[in-house]
Amino acid sequence: MPAASAIHTLIVDDQMSMRGLIRTSLQQIGFREFREASDGEAGLREMIARPAHLVISDFNMPKLDGLGLLRAVRAHPPTQGAAFIMLTGRADRELVARAVQFGVNNYLVKPFTVAQLKEKLEGVFGPLT
């Protein structure tokens, strides 16, 4: 069982309030290591500079959307092993299918609860301590 506190996380969302909500939710689960980016391009730069274990990314963002970020993360050998959870404001089957095609580990529909986020994380990492 991995310790949530040992999982380095990159939160990528163009809305500061959503990044804060994600960060607060992760803290309630036990996560402690966070970095943030306000769009996909900044998120990719962060991942290349210092790969994270987990990326939680919004789908709709300026400059580079979540699918573009996912594709870039999966194409770069030092980052391709990172877990990736896509956030979307709607349950869009086409988006989910495309994300799965590009290697997303899980997805979460906004708005979400801490329990729902934990369930998605444990679907990727197994039980968290």
N, C-alpha and C. Protein backbone atom coordinates (compact mmCIF):
# COMPACT_ATOMS: atom_id res chain seq x y z
N MET A 1 0.84 -1.18 0.00
CA MET A 1 0.00 0.00 0.00
C MET A 1 0.88 1.24 0.00
N PRO A 2 0.73 2.08 -1.00
CA PRO A 2 1.54 3.30 -1.02
C PRO A 2 1.04 4.32 0.00
N ALA A 3 1.96 5.09 0.52
CA ALA A 3 1.60 6.19 1.41
C ALA A 3 1.24 7.38 0.54
N ALA A 4 0.07 7.94 0.76
CA ALA A 4 -0.36 9.10 -0.03
C ALA A 4 0.64 10.23 0.10
N SER A 5 1.25 10.37 1.27
CA SER A 5 2.19 11.47 1.50
C SER A 5 3.45 11.36 0.65
N ALA A 6 3.72 10.19 0.09
CA ALA A 6 4.92 9.99 -0.73
C ALA A 6 4.66 10.17 -2.23
N ILE A 7 3.41 10.42 -2.61
CA ILE A 7 3.06 10.56 -4.01
C ILE A 7 3.14 12.03 -4.41
N HIS A 8 4.12 12.37 -5.22
CA HIS A 8 4.30 13.75 -5.69
C HIS A 8 3.28 14.02 -6.79
N THR A 9 2.54 15.11 -6.65
CA THR A 9 1.39 15.37 -7.51
C THR A 9 1.50 16.71 -8.22
N LEU A 10 1.14 16.71 -9.49
CA LEU A 10 1.03 17.94 -10.26
C LEU A 10 -0.44 18.16 -10.58
N ILE A 11 -0.96 19.32 -10.18
CA ILE A 11 -2.35 19.69 -10.42
C ILE A 11 -2.36 20.71 -11.55
N VAL A 12 -3.09 20.41 -12.63
CA VAL A 12 -3.12 21.29 -13.80
C VAL A 12 -4.56 21.68 -14.09
N ASP A 13 -4.87 22.96 -13.88
CA ASP A 13 -6.21 23.47 -14.14
C ASP A 13 -6.10 24.97 -14.33
N ASP A 14 -6.85 25.52 -15.25
CA ASP A 14 -6.78 26.95 -15.51
C ASP A 14 -7.54 27.78 -14.47
N GLN A 15 -8.31 27.15 -13.62
CA GLN A 15 -9.04 27.88 -12.58
C GLN A 15 -8.35 27.70 -11.23
N MET A 16 -7.89 28.81 -10.66
CA MET A 16 -7.20 28.77 -9.39
C MET A 16 -8.07 28.14 -8.30
N SER A 17 -9.37 28.44 -8.31
CA SER A 17 -10.27 27.90 -7.29
C SER A 17 -10.35 26.37 -7.39
N MET A 18 -10.34 25.83 -8.61
CA MET A 18 -10.39 24.38 -8.79
C MET A 18 -9.08 23.75 -8.33
N ARG A 19 -7.95 24.39 -8.64
CA ARG A 19 -6.67 23.86 -8.15
C ARG A 19 -6.68 23.81 -6.63
N GLY A 20 -7.21 24.84 -6.00
CA GLY A 20 -7.30 24.87 -4.54
C GLY A 20 -8.20 23.77 -4.00
N LEU A 21 -9.32 23.54 -4.66
CA LEU A 21 -10.24 22.47 -4.24
C LEU A 21 -9.57 21.10 -4.36
N ILE A 22 -8.87 20.88 -5.46
CA ILE A 22 -8.17 19.61 -5.66
C ILE A 22 -7.10 19.44 -4.59
N ARG A 23 -6.31 20.49 -4.37
CA ARG A 23 -5.24 20.44 -3.36
C ARG A 23 -5.82 20.13 -1.98
N THR A 24 -6.88 20.82 -1.59
CA THR A 24 -7.51 20.60 -0.28
C THR A 24 -8.04 19.17 -0.17
N SER A 25 -8.65 18.68 -1.23
CA SER A 25 -9.17 17.30 -1.24
C SER A 25 -8.04 16.30 -1.08
N LEU A 26 -6.96 16.51 -1.81
CA LEU A 26 -5.81 15.61 -1.70
C LEU A 26 -5.21 15.64 -0.30
N GLN A 27 -5.13 16.82 0.30
CA GLN A 27 -4.61 16.93 1.66
C GLN A 27 -5.47 16.13 2.64
N GLN A 28 -6.78 16.14 2.45
CA GLN A 28 -7.67 15.37 3.32
C GLN A 28 -7.43 13.87 3.18
N ILE A 29 -6.96 13.45 2.02
CA ILE A 29 -6.67 12.04 1.77
C ILE A 29 -5.29 11.67 2.32
N GLY A 30 -4.42 12.67 2.52
CA GLY A 30 -3.09 12.40 3.07
C GLY A 30 -1.94 12.81 2.18
N PHE A 31 -2.24 13.38 1.01
CA PHE A 31 -1.19 13.83 0.10
C PHE A 31 -0.51 15.07 0.67
N ARG A 32 0.79 15.22 0.41
CA ARG A 32 1.53 16.35 0.96
C ARG A 32 2.40 17.09 -0.06
N GLU A 33 2.74 16.46 -1.17
CA GLU A 33 3.65 17.05 -2.16
C GLU A 33 2.85 17.50 -3.39
N PHE A 34 2.78 18.82 -3.59
CA PHE A 34 2.00 19.37 -4.71
C PHE A 34 2.80 20.39 -5.48
N ARG A 35 2.55 20.42 -6.76
CA ARG A 35 2.92 21.54 -7.63
C ARG A 35 1.69 21.84 -8.47
N GLU A 36 1.62 23.05 -8.98
CA GLU A 36 0.45 23.45 -9.75
C GLU A 36 0.86 24.13 -11.03
N ALA A 37 -0.01 24.03 -12.02
CA ALA A 37 0.18 24.72 -13.29
C ALA A 37 -1.19 25.20 -13.76
N SER A 38 -1.21 26.35 -14.42
CA SER A 38 -2.48 26.97 -14.82
C SER A 38 -2.92 26.63 -16.24
N ASP A 39 -2.11 25.87 -16.97
CA ASP A 39 -2.51 25.40 -18.30
C ASP A 39 -1.64 24.21 -18.68
N GLY A 40 -2.01 23.57 -19.77
CA GLY A 40 -1.30 22.36 -20.18
C GLY A 40 0.16 22.58 -20.54
N GLU A 41 0.47 23.71 -21.18
CA GLU A 41 1.87 23.98 -21.52
C GLU A 41 2.72 24.13 -20.27
N ALA A 42 2.23 24.87 -19.28
CA ALA A 42 2.96 25.04 -18.02
C ALA A 42 3.07 23.69 -17.30
N GLY A 43 2.02 22.89 -17.36
CA GLY A 43 2.06 21.57 -16.75
C GLY A 43 3.10 20.68 -17.39
N LEU A 44 3.21 20.73 -18.70
CA LEU A 44 4.22 19.93 -19.39
C LEU A 44 5.62 20.39 -19.02
N ARG A 45 5.82 21.69 -18.95
CA ARG A 45 7.14 22.20 -18.51
C ARG A 45 7.48 21.71 -17.11
N GLU A 46 6.50 21.73 -16.22
CA GLU A 46 6.71 21.24 -14.84
C GLU A 46 7.07 19.76 -14.85
N MET A 47 6.36 18.97 -15.64
CA MET A 47 6.63 17.53 -15.69
C MET A 47 8.02 17.23 -16.25
N ILE A 48 8.43 17.97 -17.26
CA ILE A 48 9.75 17.74 -17.85
C ILE A 48 10.84 18.17 -16.88
N ALA A 49 10.62 19.28 -16.18
CA ALA A 49 11.62 19.78 -15.23
C ALA A 49 11.78 18.84 -14.04
N ARG A 50 10.65 18.33 -13.54
CA ARG A 50 10.68 17.44 -12.38
C ARG A 50 9.45 16.54 -12.43
N PRO A 51 9.58 15.35 -12.98
CA PRO A 51 8.42 14.46 -13.14
C PRO A 51 7.73 14.18 -11.80
N ALA A 52 6.41 14.17 -11.85
CA ALA A 52 5.58 13.84 -10.70
C ALA A 52 5.12 12.39 -10.82
N HIS A 53 4.68 11.81 -9.71
CA HIS A 53 4.11 10.46 -9.75
C HIS A 53 2.69 10.47 -10.28
N LEU A 54 2.00 11.61 -10.08
CA LEU A 54 0.59 11.73 -10.41
C LEU A 54 0.31 13.09 -11.03
N VAL A 55 -0.44 13.09 -12.12
CA VAL A 55 -0.95 14.32 -12.72
C VAL A 55 -2.47 14.27 -12.63
N ILE A 56 -3.04 15.33 -12.08
CA ILE A 56 -4.49 15.51 -12.11
C ILE A 56 -4.72 16.74 -12.97
N SER A 57 -5.36 16.54 -14.11
CA SER A 57 -5.49 17.61 -15.09
C SER A 57 -6.92 17.81 -15.54
N ASP A 58 -7.30 19.06 -15.69
CA ASP A 58 -8.57 19.42 -16.30
C ASP A 58 -8.48 19.09 -17.79
N PHE A 59 -9.62 18.90 -18.41
CA PHE A 59 -9.62 18.68 -19.86
C PHE A 59 -9.58 20.00 -20.61
N ASN A 60 -10.48 20.92 -20.29
CA ASN A 60 -10.58 22.19 -21.02
C ASN A 60 -9.66 23.23 -20.41
N MET A 61 -8.59 23.57 -21.14
CA MET A 61 -7.63 24.58 -20.70
C MET A 61 -7.09 25.32 -21.91
N PRO A 62 -6.62 26.54 -21.69
CA PRO A 62 -5.99 27.26 -22.80
C PRO A 62 -4.60 26.69 -23.11
N LYS A 63 -4.10 27.02 -24.27
CA LYS A 63 -2.76 26.69 -24.76
C LYS A 63 -2.57 25.21 -25.08
N LEU A 64 -2.87 24.32 -24.14
CA LEU A 64 -2.75 22.88 -24.36
C LEU A 64 -3.79 22.22 -23.49
N ASP A 65 -4.76 21.53 -24.08
CA ASP A 65 -5.82 20.92 -23.27
C ASP A 65 -5.31 19.65 -22.59
N GLY A 66 -6.17 19.07 -21.77
CA GLY A 66 -5.78 17.90 -21.00
C GLY A 66 -5.37 16.71 -21.86
N LEU A 67 -6.04 16.49 -22.98
CA LEU A 67 -5.65 15.39 -23.87
C LEU A 67 -4.27 15.64 -24.47
N GLY A 68 -4.01 16.88 -24.86
CA GLY A 68 -2.69 17.21 -25.39
C GLY A 68 -1.60 17.01 -24.35
N LEU A 69 -1.90 17.40 -23.11
CA LEU A 69 -0.94 17.18 -22.02
C LEU A 69 -0.72 15.69 -21.79
N LEU A 70 -1.80 14.93 -21.76
CA LEU A 70 -1.70 13.48 -21.58
C LEU A 70 -0.84 12.86 -22.67
N ARG A 71 -1.09 13.21 -23.91
CA ARG A 71 -0.30 12.67 -25.02
C ARG A 71 1.18 13.02 -24.89
N ALA A 72 1.47 14.26 -24.50
CA ALA A 72 2.86 14.70 -24.35
C ALA A 72 3.54 13.98 -23.19
N VAL A 73 2.83 13.80 -22.09
CA VAL A 73 3.38 13.09 -20.93
C VAL A 73 3.69 11.65 -21.30
N ARG A 74 2.80 11.01 -22.02
CA ARG A 74 2.99 9.61 -22.42
C ARG A 74 4.11 9.46 -23.48
N ALA A 75 4.38 10.52 -24.23
CA ALA A 75 5.41 10.45 -25.28
C ALA A 75 6.81 10.74 -24.76
N HIS A 76 6.95 11.26 -23.56
CA HIS A 76 8.25 11.66 -23.01
C HIS A 76 8.72 10.58 -22.02
N PRO A 77 9.76 9.80 -22.34
CA PRO A 77 10.15 8.67 -21.50
C PRO A 77 10.27 8.95 -19.99
N PRO A 78 10.86 10.07 -19.55
CA PRO A 78 10.95 10.28 -18.10
C PRO A 78 9.61 10.50 -17.41
N THR A 79 8.57 10.86 -18.16
CA THR A 79 7.28 11.15 -17.54
C THR A 79 6.21 10.12 -17.88
N GLN A 80 6.47 9.23 -18.83
CA GLN A 80 5.40 8.38 -19.34
C GLN A 80 4.83 7.40 -18.32
N GLY A 81 5.53 7.14 -17.24
CA GLY A 81 5.03 6.23 -16.21
C GLY A 81 4.17 6.90 -15.16
N ALA A 82 4.00 8.20 -15.23
CA ALA A 82 3.19 8.91 -14.23
C ALA A 82 1.72 8.50 -14.34
N ALA A 83 1.07 8.39 -13.21
CA ALA A 83 -0.38 8.17 -13.21
C ALA A 83 -1.04 9.46 -13.67
N PHE A 84 -2.13 9.35 -14.40
CA PHE A 84 -2.79 10.53 -14.95
C PHE A 84 -4.30 10.39 -14.75
N ILE A 85 -4.88 11.35 -14.05
CA ILE A 85 -6.33 11.40 -13.85
C ILE A 85 -6.85 12.66 -14.53
N MET A 86 -7.82 12.48 -15.41
CA MET A 86 -8.41 13.58 -16.17
C MET A 86 -9.69 14.04 -15.48
N LEU A 87 -9.82 15.36 -15.32
CA LEU A 87 -11.04 15.95 -14.80
C LEU A 87 -11.85 16.51 -15.95
N THR A 88 -13.14 16.31 -15.88
CA THR A 88 -14.01 16.87 -16.90
C THR A 88 -15.29 17.35 -16.24
N GLY A 89 -15.87 18.38 -16.80
CA GLY A 89 -17.10 18.92 -16.27
C GLY A 89 -18.33 18.17 -16.74
N ARG A 90 -18.13 17.20 -17.57
CA ARG A 90 -19.26 16.45 -18.09
C ARG A 90 -18.82 15.00 -18.34
N ALA A 91 -19.78 14.12 -18.29
CA ALA A 91 -19.49 12.71 -18.57
C ALA A 91 -19.56 12.52 -20.08
N ASP A 92 -18.52 12.86 -20.77
CA ASP A 92 -18.47 12.81 -22.23
C ASP A 92 -17.81 11.50 -22.66
N ARG A 93 -18.59 10.60 -23.20
CA ARG A 93 -18.07 9.27 -23.58
C ARG A 93 -16.95 9.37 -24.61
N GLU A 94 -17.09 10.28 -25.55
CA GLU A 94 -16.04 10.43 -26.57
C GLU A 94 -14.73 10.90 -25.96
N LEU A 95 -14.81 11.87 -25.05
CA LEU A 95 -13.60 12.35 -24.36
C LEU A 95 -12.95 11.23 -23.57
N VAL A 96 -13.76 10.50 -22.82
CA VAL A 96 -13.22 9.40 -22.02
C VAL A 96 -12.57 8.35 -22.92
N ALA A 97 -13.22 8.02 -24.03
CA ALA A 97 -12.66 7.03 -24.95
C ALA A 97 -11.33 7.51 -25.53
N ARG A 98 -11.24 8.78 -25.88
CA ARG A 98 -9.98 9.32 -26.40
C ARG A 98 -8.91 9.33 -25.32
N ALA A 99 -9.29 9.69 -24.10
CA ALA A 99 -8.32 9.70 -23.00
C ALA A 99 -7.80 8.29 -22.73
N VAL A 100 -8.69 7.30 -22.76
CA VAL A 100 -8.26 5.91 -22.57
C VAL A 100 -7.31 5.50 -23.68
N GLN A 101 -7.61 5.90 -24.91
CA GLN A 101 -6.75 5.59 -26.05
C GLN A 101 -5.34 6.14 -25.84
N PHE A 102 -5.23 7.29 -25.19
CA PHE A 102 -3.92 7.93 -24.97
C PHE A 102 -3.28 7.55 -23.65
N GLY A 103 -3.91 6.67 -22.89
CA GLY A 103 -3.26 6.14 -21.69
C GLY A 103 -3.65 6.77 -20.37
N VAL A 104 -4.83 7.38 -20.28
CA VAL A 104 -5.26 7.93 -18.99
C VAL A 104 -5.49 6.76 -18.02
N ASN A 105 -5.18 6.98 -16.76
CA ASN A 105 -5.38 5.93 -15.77
C ASN A 105 -6.80 5.94 -15.20
N ASN A 106 -7.40 7.12 -15.13
CA ASN A 106 -8.75 7.23 -14.61
C ASN A 106 -9.27 8.62 -14.94
N TYR A 107 -10.56 8.85 -14.71
CA TYR A 107 -11.12 10.17 -14.94
C TYR A 107 -12.14 10.45 -13.85
N LEU A 108 -12.41 11.72 -13.64
CA LEU A 108 -13.30 12.15 -12.58
C LEU A 108 -14.16 13.29 -13.12
N VAL A 109 -15.48 13.18 -12.93
CA VAL A 109 -16.40 14.20 -13.39
C VAL A 109 -16.59 15.25 -12.28
N LYS A 110 -16.45 16.53 -12.67
CA LYS A 110 -16.68 17.63 -11.72
C LYS A 110 -18.17 17.94 -11.69
N PRO A 111 -18.71 18.35 -10.56
CA PRO A 111 -18.07 18.45 -9.25
C PRO A 111 -17.88 17.05 -8.65
N PHE A 112 -16.91 16.94 -7.76
CA PHE A 112 -16.61 15.65 -7.14
C PHE A 112 -16.48 15.82 -5.63
N THR A 113 -16.55 14.70 -4.94
CA THR A 113 -16.35 14.69 -3.48
C THR A 113 -14.97 14.14 -3.18
N VAL A 114 -14.53 14.34 -1.97
CA VAL A 114 -13.25 13.77 -1.53
C VAL A 114 -13.30 12.25 -1.65
N ALA A 115 -14.42 11.67 -1.27
CA ALA A 115 -14.56 10.20 -1.35
C ALA A 115 -14.45 9.71 -2.79
N GLN A 116 -15.04 10.44 -3.73
CA GLN A 116 -14.95 10.04 -5.14
C GLN A 116 -13.51 10.16 -5.63
N LEU A 117 -12.82 11.22 -5.25
CA LEU A 117 -11.42 11.37 -5.65
C LEU A 117 -10.58 10.24 -5.07
N LYS A 118 -10.79 9.94 -3.81
CA LYS A 118 -10.03 8.85 -3.17
C LYS A 118 -10.28 7.53 -3.88
N GLU A 119 -11.53 7.27 -4.24
CA GLU A 119 -11.87 6.04 -4.95
C GLU A 119 -11.12 5.95 -6.28
N LYS A 120 -11.07 7.06 -7.02
CA LYS A 120 -10.36 7.07 -8.30
C LYS A 120 -8.86 6.86 -8.09
N LEU A 121 -8.30 7.52 -7.07
CA LEU A 121 -6.88 7.37 -6.77
C LEU A 121 -6.54 5.94 -6.37
N GLU A 122 -7.39 5.33 -5.56
CA GLU A 122 -7.14 3.95 -5.14
C GLU A 122 -7.34 2.98 -6.31
N GLY A 123 -8.13 3.37 -7.31
CA GLY A 123 -8.24 2.57 -8.51
C GLY A 123 -6.94 2.56 -9.31
N VAL A 124 -6.12 3.56 -9.11
CA VAL A 124 -4.82 3.67 -9.79
C VAL A 124 -3.70 3.08 -8.92
N PHE A 125 -3.65 3.50 -7.64
CA PHE A 125 -2.53 3.15 -6.77
C PHE A 125 -2.80 1.99 -5.82
N GLY A 126 -4.05 1.56 -5.71
CA GLY A 126 -4.41 0.59 -4.68
C GLY A 126 -4.70 1.34 -3.39
N PRO A 127 -4.99 0.61 -2.31
CA PRO A 127 -5.33 1.27 -1.05
C PRO A 127 -4.21 2.23 -0.61
N LEU A 128 -4.63 3.41 -0.20
CA LEU A 128 -3.67 4.43 0.24
C LEU A 128 -3.63 4.47 1.76
N THR A 129 -2.44 4.69 2.27
CA THR A 129 -2.30 4.81 3.73
C THR A 129 -1.95 6.24 4.09
